[in-house]
Amino acid sequence: MEIRFLSILIGAVLLSSCAEHRLVVERPNPDGEHAIVNSKAYLLPRGQPRNVAQCQTNLIDEVRVKTNFGQSLITVLTLGFYQPATIEYYCAKVPSDEGSTDE
């Protein structure tokens, strides 16, 4: 029984997110496209690779940057030279011309 509890606890820690950063616009316009990008940052003088959002409307509604236990462990083991993360972004719908959004 104790081994089962310990394995469930270890599994929960390994599968859980360690950190999540969230950026949301002041007046959200949801229901747009959703995309997930795996980002890899390197501590090298040549700079960081770019991740470009592929929104047809060129409007972003929300951005989430997540790191899980495995990604954090890799960052620690490489002394910060390699920093993987998962970036989720939500595209916004094109606002309609009719009506007013002023409150």
Protein backbone atom coordinates (compact mmCIF):
# COMPACT_ATOMS: atom_id res chain seq x y z
CA MET A 1 0.00 0.00 0.00
CA GLU A 2 2.82 2.41 0.87
CA ILE A 3 4.68 1.68 -2.39
CA ARG A 4 1.50 2.32 -4.37
CA PHE A 5 0.96 5.68 -2.67
CA LEU A 6 4.60 6.63 -3.23
CA SER A 7 4.43 5.73 -6.94
CA ILE A 8 1.22 7.76 -7.36
CA LEU A 9 2.84 10.72 -5.59
CA ILE A 10 5.97 10.53 -7.77
CA GLY A 11 3.83 10.24 -10.91
CA ALA A 12 1.76 13.26 -9.91
CA VAL A 13 4.90 15.34 -9.34
CA LEU A 14 6.42 14.29 -12.67
CA LEU A 15 3.25 15.02 -14.64
CA SER A 16 2.33 18.29 -12.98
CA SER A 17 3.29 21.73 -14.19
CA CYS A 18 5.99 23.51 -12.24
CA ALA A 19 5.26 26.99 -13.50
CA GLU A 20 2.78 28.75 -15.72
CA HIS A 21 2.95 32.36 -16.86
CA ARG A 22 -0.14 33.86 -18.42
CA LEU A 23 -0.57 37.04 -20.45
CA VAL A 24 -4.12 38.17 -21.21
CA VAL A 25 -5.32 41.28 -23.00
CA GLU A 26 -7.51 43.78 -21.14
CA ARG A 27 -10.61 43.14 -23.24
CA PRO A 28 -10.44 39.55 -24.47
CA ASN A 29 -12.01 38.50 -27.74
CA PRO A 30 -11.84 34.69 -27.45
CA ASP A 31 -12.88 31.82 -29.72
CA GLY A 32 -9.96 32.19 -32.09
CA GLU A 33 -7.42 29.56 -33.12
CA HIS A 34 -5.32 27.75 -30.51
CA ALA A 35 -1.72 26.64 -31.08
CA ILE A 36 1.00 24.99 -28.99
CA VAL A 37 4.72 25.60 -29.64
CA ASN A 38 7.63 23.83 -27.96
CA SER A 39 10.28 26.45 -27.27
CA LYS A 40 13.96 25.81 -26.66
CA ALA A 41 16.14 28.59 -25.30
CA TYR A 42 19.93 28.26 -25.35
CA LEU A 43 22.45 30.32 -23.43
CA LEU A 44 24.59 31.04 -26.46
CA PRO A 45 25.98 34.29 -27.86
CA ARG A 46 24.16 33.80 -31.18
CA GLY A 47 20.81 34.76 -29.63
CA GLN A 48 17.57 32.94 -29.03
CA PRO A 49 15.44 31.20 -31.65
CA ARG A 50 12.18 33.00 -32.46
CA ASN A 51 8.72 31.51 -32.09
CA VAL A 52 6.20 33.22 -34.34
CA ALA A 53 2.45 33.07 -33.73
CA GLN A 54 0.60 31.97 -36.85
CA CYS A 55 -2.68 33.89 -36.44
CA GLN A 56 -4.66 34.71 -39.57
CA THR A 57 -6.00 37.84 -37.88
CA ASN A 58 -2.60 38.93 -36.47
CA LEU A 59 -4.39 39.39 -33.13
CA ILE A 60 -3.38 37.57 -29.93
CA ASP A 61 -5.91 37.03 -27.15
CA GLU A 62 -3.88 35.05 -24.61
CA VAL A 63 -0.38 33.58 -24.19
CA ARG A 64 0.61 30.87 -21.69
CA VAL A 65 4.19 29.76 -21.05
CA LYS A 66 4.46 26.48 -19.12
CA THR A 67 7.33 24.41 -17.77
CA ASN A 68 6.85 20.97 -16.27
CA PHE A 69 9.03 19.01 -13.88
CA GLY A 70 11.05 17.33 -16.65
CA GLN A 71 11.76 20.62 -18.41
CA SER A 72 12.83 22.22 -15.14
CA LEU A 73 15.07 19.25 -14.35
CA ILE A 74 16.78 19.56 -17.76
CA THR A 75 17.35 23.26 -17.11
CA VAL A 76 18.96 22.51 -13.74
CA LEU A 77 21.10 19.64 -15.08
CA THR A 78 22.46 21.80 -17.91
CA LEU A 79 23.08 24.70 -15.51
CA GLY A 80 20.66 26.88 -17.45
CA PHE A 81 22.36 26.46 -20.84
CA TYR A 82 19.25 24.73 -22.25
CA GLN A 83 15.78 25.87 -21.16
CA PRO A 84 12.80 24.11 -22.75
CA ALA A 85 9.24 25.41 -22.28
CA THR A 86 5.80 24.99 -23.83
CA ILE A 87 4.09 28.09 -25.23
CA GLU A 88 0.35 28.13 -25.88
CA TYR A 89 -1.27 31.05 -27.63
CA TYR A 90 -4.85 31.84 -28.49
CA CYS A 91 -5.65 34.01 -31.49
CA ALA A 92 -8.42 36.58 -31.19
CA LYS A 93 -11.37 36.94 -33.52
CA VAL A 94 -11.57 39.95 -35.78
CA PRO A 95 -13.69 42.56 -33.98
CA SER A 96 -16.96 43.43 -35.65
CA ASP A 97 -17.58 46.95 -36.92
CA GLU A 98 -21.16 47.03 -35.67
CA GLY A 99 -22.05 48.19 -32.19
CA SER A 100 -19.79 49.55 -29.51
CA THR A 101 -17.51 47.90 -27.00
CA ASP A 102 -17.25 51.01 -24.77
CA GLU A 103 -18.52 50.48 -21.26
